[in-house]
């Protein structure tokens, strides 16, 4: 199973459980319903904040790869030259 499918599956399961608890279809026996209504939005906002922080940190620490850039440019030039040798106009 691809990572995207796995993440989609887990996310849909967690969202379904969250909505069932939020709309009191699935009761939590240990916690009072009023407390559940107060705590679930806080959990959602906390998860959103963590997700944004995680995404921002990933962008901030993203490493620049000049070697990969030059290698990619070389491969593009090789592909263009190959197409030109086959009488295909490029550029």
PDB file of N, CA and C in Angstrom:
ATOM      1  N   UNK A   1       0.850  -1.167   0.000  1.00  0.00           N
ATOM      2  CA  UNK A   1       0.000   0.000   0.000  1.00  0.00           C
ATOM      3  C   UNK A   1       0.897   1.233   0.000  1.00  0.00           C
ATOM      4  N   UNK A   2       0.611   2.131  -0.904  1.00  0.00           N
ATOM      5  CA  UNK A   2       1.414   3.345  -1.021  1.00  0.00           C
ATOM      6  C   UNK A   2       1.201   4.234   0.201  1.00  0.00           C
ATOM      7  N   UNK A   3       2.150   5.090   0.437  1.00  0.00           N
ATOM      8  CA  UNK A   3       2.081   5.947   1.606  1.00  0.00           C
ATOM      9  C   UNK A   3       0.847   6.853   1.560  1.00  0.00           C
ATOM     10  N   UNK A   4       0.515   7.349   0.379  1.00  0.00           N
ATOM     11  CA  UNK A   4      -0.653   8.204   0.237  1.00  0.00           C
ATOM     12  C   UNK A   4      -1.925   7.466   0.623  1.00  0.00           C
ATOM     13  N   UNK A   5      -2.047   6.224   0.192  1.00  0.00           N
ATOM     14  CA  UNK A   5      -3.231   5.438   0.543  1.00  0.00           C
ATOM     15  C   UNK A   5      -3.300   5.187   2.054  1.00  0.00           C
ATOM     16  N   UNK A   6      -2.161   4.894   2.642  1.00  0.00           N
ATOM     17  CA  UNK A   6      -2.122   4.626   4.074  1.00  0.00           C
ATOM     18  C   UNK A   6      -2.503   5.868   4.869  1.00  0.00           C
ATOM     19  N   UNK A   7      -1.957   7.021   4.498  1.00  0.00           N
ATOM     20  CA  UNK A   7      -2.271   8.266   5.187  1.00  0.00           C
ATOM     21  C   UNK A   7      -3.744   8.623   4.991  1.00  0.00           C
ATOM     22  N   UNK A   8      -4.247   8.425   3.783  1.00  0.00           N
ATOM     23  CA  UNK A   8      -5.667   8.709   3.515  1.00  0.00           C
ATOM     24  C   UNK A   8      -6.570   7.805   4.342  1.00  0.00           C
ATOM     25  N   UNK A   9      -6.225   6.549   4.439  1.00  0.00           N
ATOM     26  CA  UNK A   9      -7.022   5.604   5.215  1.00  0.00           C
ATOM     27  C   UNK A   9      -7.040   5.996   6.693  1.00  0.00           C
ATOM     28  N   UNK A  10      -5.866   6.244   7.268  1.00  0.00           N
ATOM     29  CA  UNK A  10      -5.792   6.606   8.682  1.00  0.00           C
ATOM     30  C   UNK A  10      -6.493   7.935   8.952  1.00  0.00           C
ATOM     31  N   UNK A  11      -6.322   8.889   8.041  1.00  0.00           N
ATOM     32  CA  UNK A  11      -6.963  10.192   8.224  1.00  0.00           C
ATOM     33  C   UNK A  11      -8.477  10.072   8.178  1.00  0.00           C
ATOM     34  N   UNK A  12      -8.986   9.301   7.231  1.00  0.00           N
ATOM     35  CA  UNK A  12     -10.437   9.159   7.141  1.00  0.00           C
ATOM     36  C   UNK A  12     -11.002   8.435   8.361  1.00  0.00           C
ATOM     37  N   UNK A  13     -10.288   7.462   8.886  1.00  0.00           N
ATOM     38  CA  UNK A  13     -10.743   6.770  10.095  1.00  0.00           C
ATOM     39  C   UNK A  13     -10.764   7.729  11.289  1.00  0.00           C
ATOM     40  N   UNK A  14      -9.703   8.498  11.461  1.00  0.00           N
ATOM     41  CA  UNK A  14      -9.647   9.436  12.583  1.00  0.00           C
ATOM     42  C   UNK A  14     -10.678  10.552  12.459  1.00  0.00           C
ATOM     43  N   UNK A  15     -10.893  11.047  11.243  1.00  0.00           N
ATOM     44  CA  UNK A  15     -11.899  12.085  11.041  1.00  0.00           C
ATOM     45  C   UNK A  15     -13.291  11.532  11.320  1.00  0.00           C
ATOM     46  N   UNK A  16     -13.539  10.299  10.893  1.00  0.00           N
ATOM     47  CA  UNK A  16     -14.847   9.683  11.158  1.00  0.00           C
ATOM     48  C   UNK A  16     -15.097   9.529  12.655  1.00  0.00           C
ATOM     49  N   UNK A  17     -14.106   9.047  13.379  1.00  0.00           N
ATOM     50  CA  UNK A  17     -14.243   8.895  14.838  1.00  0.00           C
ATOM     51  C   UNK A  17     -14.434  10.261  15.494  1.00  0.00           C
ATOM     52  N   UNK A  18     -13.673  11.255  15.056  1.00  0.00           N
ATOM     53  CA  UNK A  18     -13.798  12.607  15.613  1.00  0.00           C
ATOM     54  C   UNK A  18     -15.211  13.135  15.417  1.00  0.00           C
ATOM     55  N   UNK A  19     -15.753  13.004  14.205  1.00  0.00           N
ATOM     56  CA  UNK A  19     -17.092  13.511  13.933  1.00  0.00           C
ATOM     57  C   UNK A  19     -18.157  12.737  14.694  1.00  0.00           C
ATOM     58  N   UNK A  20     -17.986  11.417  14.827  1.00  0.00           N
ATOM     59  CA  UNK A  20     -18.950  10.629  15.598  1.00  0.00           C
ATOM     60  C   UNK A  20     -18.971  11.052  17.061  1.00  0.00           C
ATOM     61  N   UNK A  21     -17.811  11.343  17.618  1.00  0.00           N
ATOM     62  CA  UNK A  21     -17.753  11.794  19.012  1.00  0.00           C
ATOM     63  C   UNK A  21     -18.280  13.225  19.129  1.00  0.00           C
ATOM     64  N   UNK A  22     -17.962  14.077  18.155  1.00  0.00           N
ATOM     65  CA  UNK A  22     -18.405  15.468  18.200  1.00  0.00           C
ATOM     66  C   UNK A  22     -19.924  15.572  18.156  1.00  0.00           C
ATOM     67  N   UNK A  23     -20.560  14.775  17.310  1.00  0.00           N
ATOM     68  CA  UNK A  23     -22.021  14.813  17.194  1.00  0.00           C
ATOM     69  C   UNK A  23     -22.720  13.832  18.137  1.00  0.00           C
ATOM     70  N   UNK A  24     -21.961  13.311  19.072  1.00  0.00           N
ATOM     71  CA  UNK A  24     -22.465  12.439  20.143  1.00  0.00           C
ATOM     72  C   UNK A  24     -23.162  11.183  19.638  1.00  0.00           C
ATOM     73  N   UNK A  25     -22.736  10.688  18.480  1.00  0.00           N
ATOM     74  CA  UNK A  25     -23.226   9.400  17.988  1.00  0.00           C
ATOM     75  C   UNK A  25     -22.473   8.287  18.695  1.00  0.00           C
ATOM     76  N   UNK A  26     -21.206   8.529  18.936  1.00  0.00           N
ATOM     77  CA  UNK A  26     -20.350   7.584  19.639  1.00  0.00           C
ATOM     78  C   UNK A  26     -20.010   8.195  20.999  1.00  0.00           C
ATOM     79  N   UNK A  27     -20.685   7.783  22.053  1.00  0.00           N
ATOM     80  CA  UNK A  27     -20.432   8.406  23.356  1.00  0.00           C
ATOM     81  C   UNK A  27     -19.143   7.886  23.993  1.00  0.00           C
ATOM     82  N   UNK A  28     -18.532   8.743  24.770  1.00  0.00           N
ATOM     83  CA  UNK A  28     -17.366   8.354  25.555  1.00  0.00           C
ATOM     84  C   UNK A  28     -17.860   8.189  26.983  1.00  0.00           C
ATOM     85  N   UNK A  29     -17.870   6.969  27.518  1.00  0.00           N
ATOM     86  CA  UNK A  29     -18.520   6.736  28.805  1.00  0.00           C
ATOM     87  C   UNK A  29     -17.831   7.393  30.006  1.00  0.00           C
ATOM     88  N   UNK A  30     -16.550   7.648  29.942  1.00  0.00           N
ATOM     89  CA  UNK A  30     -15.826   8.164  31.100  1.00  0.00           C
ATOM     90  C   UNK A  30     -15.966   9.682  31.227  1.00  0.00           C
ATOM     91  N   UNK A  31     -16.164  10.371  30.097  1.00  0.00           N
ATOM     92  CA  UNK A  31     -16.160  11.836  30.078  1.00  0.00           C
ATOM     93  C   UNK A  31     -17.590  12.342  29.864  1.00  0.00           C
ATOM     94  N   UNK A  32     -17.926  13.406  30.559  1.00  0.00           N
ATOM     95  CA  UNK A  32     -19.238  14.035  30.421  1.00  0.00           C
ATOM     96  C   UNK A  32     -19.379  14.644  29.018  1.00  0.00           C
ATOM     97  N   UNK A  33     -20.593  14.662  28.485  1.00  0.00           N
ATOM     98  CA  UNK A  33     -20.844  15.160  27.125  1.00  0.00           C
ATOM     99  C   UNK A  33     -20.496  16.642  26.993  1.00  0.00           C
ATOM    100  N   UNK A  34     -20.713  17.420  28.031  1.00  0.00           N
ATOM    101  CA  UNK A  34     -20.371  18.846  27.986  1.00  0.00           C
ATOM    102  C   UNK A  34     -18.880  19.076  27.861  1.00  0.00           C
ATOM    103  N   UNK A  35     -18.134  18.273  28.557  1.00  0.00           N
ATOM    104  CA  UNK A  35     -16.668  18.392  28.489  1.00  0.00           C
ATOM    105  C   UNK A  35     -16.172  17.978  27.111  1.00  0.00           C
ATOM    106  N   UNK A  36     -16.793  16.952  26.539  1.00  0.00           N
ATOM    107  CA  UNK A  36     -16.408  16.505  25.196  1.00  0.00           C
ATOM    108  C   UNK A  36     -16.628  17.629  24.193  1.00  0.00           C
ATOM    109  N   UNK A  37     -17.762  18.337  24.302  1.00  0.00           N
ATOM    110  CA  UNK A  37     -18.056  19.435  23.389  1.00  0.00           C
ATOM    111  C   UNK A  37     -17.059  20.590  23.543  1.00  0.00           C
ATOM    112  N   UNK A  38     -16.480  20.746  24.713  1.00  0.00           N
ATOM    113  CA  UNK A  38     -15.500  21.807  24.924  1.00  0.00           C
ATOM    114  C   UNK A  38     -14.095  21.388  24.510  1.00  0.00           C
ATOM    115  N   UNK A  39     -13.763  20.123  24.686  1.00  0.00           N
ATOM    116  CA  UNK A  39     -12.384  19.679  24.473  1.00  0.00           C
ATOM    117  C   UNK A  39     -12.096  19.322  23.014  1.00  0.00           C
ATOM    118  N   UNK A  40     -13.086  18.849  22.260  1.00  0.00           N
ATOM    119  CA  UNK A  40     -12.837  18.426  20.880  1.00  0.00           C
ATOM    120  C   UNK A  40     -12.389  19.568  19.970  1.00  0.00           C
ATOM    121  N   UNK A  41     -13.008  20.757  20.026  1.00  0.00           N
ATOM    122  CA  UNK A  41     -12.473  21.850  19.195  1.00  0.00           C
ATOM    123  C   UNK A  41     -11.045  22.239  19.582  1.00  0.00           C
ATOM    124  N   UNK A  42     -10.724  22.156  20.857  1.00  0.00           N
ATOM    125  CA  UNK A  42      -9.363  22.463  21.297  1.00  0.00           C
ATOM    126  C   UNK A  42      -8.386  21.448  20.709  1.00  0.00           C
ATOM    127  N   UNK A  43      -8.774  20.185  20.699  1.00  0.00           N
ATOM    128  CA  UNK A  43      -7.923  19.154  20.104  1.00  0.00           C
ATOM    129  C   UNK A  43      -7.736  19.382  18.610  1.00  0.00           C
ATOM    130  N   UNK A  44      -8.788  19.788  17.931  1.00  0.00           N
ATOM    131  CA  UNK A  44      -8.701  20.050  16.499  1.00  0.00           C
ATOM    132  C   UNK A  44      -7.770  21.226  16.210  1.00  0.00           C
ATOM    133  N   UNK A  45      -7.896  22.291  16.968  1.00  0.00           N
ATOM    134  CA  UNK A  45      -7.025  23.457  16.773  1.00  0.00           C
ATOM    135  C   UNK A  45      -5.578  23.103  17.122  1.00  0.00           C
ATOM    136  N   UNK A  46      -5.377  22.315  18.162  1.00  0.00           N
ATOM    137  CA  UNK A  46      -4.025  21.896  18.536  1.00  0.00           C
ATOM    138  C   UNK A  46      -3.393  21.056  17.434  1.00  0.00           C
ATOM    139  N   UNK A  47      -4.157  20.140  16.870  1.00  0.00           N
ATOM    140  CA  UNK A  47      -3.631  19.318  15.786  1.00  0.00           C
ATOM    141  C   UNK A  47      -3.302  20.168  14.566  1.00  0.00           C
ATOM    142  N   UNK A  48      -4.164  21.134  14.249  1.00  0.00           N
ATOM    143  CA  UNK A  48      -3.898  22.032  13.127  1.00  0.00           C
ATOM    144  C   UNK A  48      -2.649  22.862  13.348  1.00  0.00           C
ATOM    145  N   UNK A  49      -2.470  23.338  14.568  1.00  0.00           N
ATOM    146  CA  UNK A  49      -1.276  24.123  14.888  1.00  0.00           C
ATOM    147  C   UNK A  49      -0.015  23.282  14.752  1.00  0.00           C
ATOM    148  N   UNK A  50      -0.074  22.057  15.261  1.00  0.00           N
ATOM    149  CA  UNK A  50       1.076  21.163  15.137  1.00  0.00           C
ATOM    150  C   UNK A  50       1.371  20.857  13.673  1.00  0.00           C
ATOM    151  N   UNK A  51       0.336  20.642  12.874  1.00  0.00           N
ATOM    152  CA  UNK A  51       0.529  20.336  11.455  1.00  0.00           C
ATOM    153  C   UNK A  51       1.192  21.499  10.732  1.00  0.00           C
ATOM    154  N   UNK A  52       0.707  22.716  10.988  1.00  0.00           N
ATOM    155  CA  UNK A  52       1.316  23.895  10.354  1.00  0.00           C
ATOM    156  C   UNK A  52       2.753  24.096  10.811  1.00  0.00           C
ATOM    157  N   UNK A  53       3.016  23.884  12.090  1.00  0.00           N
ATOM    158  CA  UNK A  53       4.382  24.015  12.584  1.00  0.00           C
ATOM    159  C   UNK A  53       5.291  22.981  11.925  1.00  0.00           C
ATOM    160  N   UNK A  54       4.814  21.755  11.823  1.00  0.00           N
ATOM    161  CA  UNK A  54       5.602  20.690  11.213  1.00  0.00           C
ATOM    162  C   UNK A  54       5.900  20.993   9.746  1.00  0.00           C
ATOM    163  N   UNK A  55       4.911  21.494   9.027  1.00  0.00           N
ATOM    164  CA  UNK A  55       5.103  21.855   7.629  1.00  0.00           C
ATOM    165  C   UNK A  55       6.086  23.009   7.497  1.00  0.00           C
ATOM    166  N   UNK A  56       5.927  24.028   8.327  1.00  0.00           N
ATOM    167  CA  UNK A  56       6.837  25.172   8.300  1.00  0.00           C
ATOM    168  C   UNK A  56       8.266  24.784   8.636  1.00  0.00           C
ATOM    169  N   UNK A  57       8.428  23.915   9.619  1.00  0.00           N
ATOM    170  CA  UNK A  57       9.773  23.470   9.988  1.00  0.00           C
ATOM    171  C   UNK A  57      10.411  22.676   8.849  1.00  0.00           C
ATOM    172  N   UNK A  58       9.620  21.866   8.166  1.00  0.00           N
ATOM    173  CA  UNK A  58      10.135  21.114   7.030  1.00  0.00           C
ATOM    174  C   UNK A  58      10.590  22.028   5.900  1.00  0.00           C
ATOM    175  N   UNK A  59       9.834  23.088   5.642  1.00  0.00           N
ATOM    176  CA  UNK A  59      10.220  24.051   4.604  1.00  0.00           C
ATOM    177  C   UNK A  59      11.455  24.828   5.048  1.00  0.00           C
ATOM    178  N   UNK A  60      11.523  25.190   6.317  1.00  0.00           N
ATOM    179  CA  UNK A  60      12.660  25.956   6.833  1.00  0.00           C
ATOM    180  C   UNK A  60      13.952  25.151   6.770  1.00  0.00           C
ATOM    181  N   UNK A  61      13.895  23.861   7.048  1.00  0.00           N
ATOM    182  CA  UNK A  61      15.106  23.045   7.087  1.00  0.00           C
ATOM    183  C   UNK A  61      15.345  22.291   5.783  1.00  0.00           C
ATOM    184  N   UNK A  62      14.598  22.625   4.725  1.00  0.00           N
ATOM    185  CA  UNK A  62      14.781  21.964   3.434  1.00  0.00           C
ATOM    186  C   UNK A  62      16.172  22.277   2.903  1.00  0.00           C
ATOM    187  N   UNK A  63      16.857  21.245   2.516  1.00  0.00           N
ATOM    188  CA  UNK A  63      18.241  21.432   2.067  1.00  0.00           C
ATOM    189  C   UNK A  63      18.291  21.698   0.570  1.00  0.00           C
ATOM    190  N   UNK A  64      19.113  22.635   0.199  1.00  0.00           N
ATOM    191  CA  UNK A  64      19.311  22.954  -1.201  1.00  0.00           C
ATOM    192  C   UNK A  64      20.354  21.995  -1.757  1.00  0.00           C
ATOM    193  N   UNK A  65      20.133  21.496  -2.946  1.00  0.00           N
ATOM    194  CA  UNK A  65      21.022  20.495  -3.539  1.00  0.00           C
ATOM    195  C   UNK A  65      21.573  21.015  -4.859  1.00  0.00           C
ATOM    196  N   UNK A  66      22.665  21.768  -4.842  1.00  0.00           N
ATOM    197  CA  UNK A  66      23.205  22.286  -6.100  1.00  0.00           C
ATOM    198  C   UNK A  66      23.709  21.180  -7.022  1.00  0.00           C
ATOM    199  N   UNK A  67      24.187  20.071  -6.455  1.00  0.00           N
ATOM    200  CA  UNK A  67      24.659  18.969  -7.295  1.00  0.00           C
ATOM    201  C   UNK A  67      23.509  18.370  -8.098  1.00  0.00           C
ATOM    202  N   UNK A  68      22.372  18.187  -7.445  1.00  0.00           N
ATOM    203  CA  UNK A  68      21.205  17.640  -8.129  1.00  0.00           C
ATOM    204  C   UNK A  68      20.702  18.607  -9.195  1.00  0.00           C
ATOM    205  N   UNK A  69      20.798  19.898  -8.939  1.00  0.00           N
ATOM    206  CA  UNK A  69      20.386  20.908  -9.910  1.00  0.00           C
ATOM    207  C   UNK A  69      21.233  20.812 -11.170  1.00  0.00           C
ATOM    208  N   UNK A  70      22.550  20.735 -11.010  1.00  0.00           N
ATOM    209  CA  UNK A  70      23.434  20.654 -12.167  1.00  0.00           C
ATOM    210  C   UNK A  70      23.264  19.326 -12.900  1.00  0.00           C
ATOM    211  N   UNK A  71      23.047  18.258 -12.165  1.00  0.00           N
ATOM    212  CA  UNK A  71      22.808  16.954 -12.792  1.00  0.00           C
ATOM    213  C   UNK A  71      21.515  16.973 -13.607  1.00  0.00           C
ATOM    214  N   UNK A  72      20.489  17.612 -13.077  1.00  0.00           N
ATOM    215  CA  UNK A  72      19.222  17.708 -13.798  1.00  0.00           C
ATOM    216  C   UNK A  72      19.373  18.549 -15.057  1.00  0.00           C
ATOM    217  N   UNK A  73      20.097  19.656 -14.979  1.00  0.00           N
ATOM    218  CA  UNK A  73      20.337  20.471 -16.172  1.00  0.00           C
ATOM    219  C   UNK A  73      21.108  19.692 -17.232  1.00  0.00           C
ATOM    220  N   UNK A  74      22.074  18.900 -16.817  1.00  0.00           N
ATOM    221  CA  UNK A  74      22.845  18.080 -17.753  1.00  0.00           C
ATOM    222  C   UNK A  74      21.938  17.053 -18.432  1.00  0.00           C
ATOM    223  N   UNK A  75      21.061  16.415 -17.679  1.00  0.00           N
ATOM    224  CA  UNK A  75      20.150  15.436 -18.267  1.00  0.00           C
ATOM    225  C   UNK A  75      19.174  16.101 -19.238  1.00  0.00           C
ATOM    226  N   UNK A  76      18.728  17.324 -18.913  1.00  0.00           N
ATOM    227  CA  UNK A  76      17.839  18.050 -19.824  1.00  0.00           C
ATOM    228  C   UNK A  76      18.557  18.369 -21.125  1.00  0.00           C
ATOM    229  N   UNK A  77      19.804  18.812 -21.035  1.00  0.00           N
ATOM    230  CA  UNK A  77      20.569  19.104 -22.248  1.00  0.00           C
ATOM    231  C   UNK A  77      20.812  17.847 -23.073  1.00  0.00           C
ATOM    232  N   UNK A  78      21.074  16.722 -22.410  1.00  0.00           N
ATOM    233  CA  UNK A  78      21.252  15.461 -23.142  1.00  0.00           C
ATOM    234  C   UNK A  78      19.965  15.064 -23.848  1.00  0.00           C
ATOM    235  N   UNK A  79      18.847  15.243 -23.189  1.00  0.00           N
ATOM    236  CA  UNK A  79      17.561  14.906 -23.813  1.00  0.00           C
ATOM    237  C   UNK A  79      17.276  15.820 -24.997  1.00  0.00           C
ATOM    238  N   UNK A  80      17.580  17.120 -24.864  1.00  0.00           N
ATOM    239  CA  UNK A  80      17.383  18.040 -25.979  1.00  0.00           C
ATOM    240  C   UNK A  80      18.263  17.673 -27.164  1.00  0.00           C
ATOM    241  N   UNK A  81      19.522  17.346 -26.880  1.00  0.00           N
ATOM    242  CA  UNK A  81      20.428  16.957 -27.958  1.00  0.00           C
ATOM    243  C   UNK A  81      19.957  15.677 -28.645  1.00  0.00           C
ATOM    244  N   UNK A  82      19.446  14.737 -27.870  1.00  0.00           N
ATOM    245  CA  UNK A  82      18.921  13.503 -28.440  1.00  0.00           C
ATOM    246  C   UNK A  82      17.721  13.783 -29.342  1.00  0.00           C
ATOM    247  N   UNK A  83      16.851  14.674 -28.902  1.00  0.00           N
ATOM    248  CA  UNK A  83      15.691  15.022 -29.725  1.00  0.00           C
ATOM    249  C   UNK A  83      16.107  15.773 -30.986  1.00  0.00           C
ATOM    250  N   UNK A  84      17.099  16.638 -30.867  1.00  0.00           N
ATOM    251  CA  UNK A  84      17.585  17.354 -32.047  1.00  0.00           C
ATOM    252  C   UNK A  84      18.199  16.392 -33.064  1.00  0.00           C
ATOM    253  N   UNK A  85      18.884  15.353 -32.593  1.00  0.00           N
ATOM    254  CA  UNK A  85      19.463  14.368 -33.515  1.00  0.00           C
ATOM    255  C   UNK A  85      18.381  13.577 -34.241  1.00  0.00           C
ATOM    256  N   UNK A  86      17.165  13.568 -33.692  1.00  0.00           N
ATOM    257  CA  UNK A  86      16.036  12.878 -34.328  1.00  0.00           C
ATOM    258  C   UNK A  86      15.163  13.851 -35.102  1.00  0.00           C
ATOM    259  N   UNK A  87      15.656  15.047 -35.345  1.00  0.00           N
ATOM    260  CA  UNK A  87      14.978  16.079 -36.134  1.00  0.00           C
ATOM    261  C   UNK A  87      13.708  16.591 -35.475  1.00  0.00           C
ATOM    262  N   UNK A  88      13.741  16.710 -34.163  1.00  0.00           N
ATOM    263  CA  UNK A  88      12.623  17.291 -33.424  1.00  0.00           C
ATOM    264  C   UNK A  88      13.064  18.668 -32.958  1.00  0.00           C
ATOM    265  N   UNK A  89      12.218  19.676 -33.213  1.00  0.00           N
ATOM    266  CA  UNK A  89      12.587  21.022 -32.794  1.00  0.00           C
ATOM    267  C   UNK A  89      12.336  21.188 -31.296  1.00  0.00           C
ATOM    268  N   UNK A  90      13.345  21.695 -30.619  1.00  0.00           N
ATOM    269  CA  UNK A  90      13.278  21.916 -29.181  1.00  0.00           C
ATOM    270  C   UNK A  90      13.639  23.374 -28.933  1.00  0.00           C
ATOM    271  N   UNK A  91      12.995  23.997 -27.978  1.00  0.00           N
ATOM    272  CA  UNK A  91      13.215  25.390 -27.547  1.00  0.00           C
ATOM    273  C   UNK A  91      12.241  26.304 -28.142  1.00  0.00           C
TER     274      UNK A  91
END
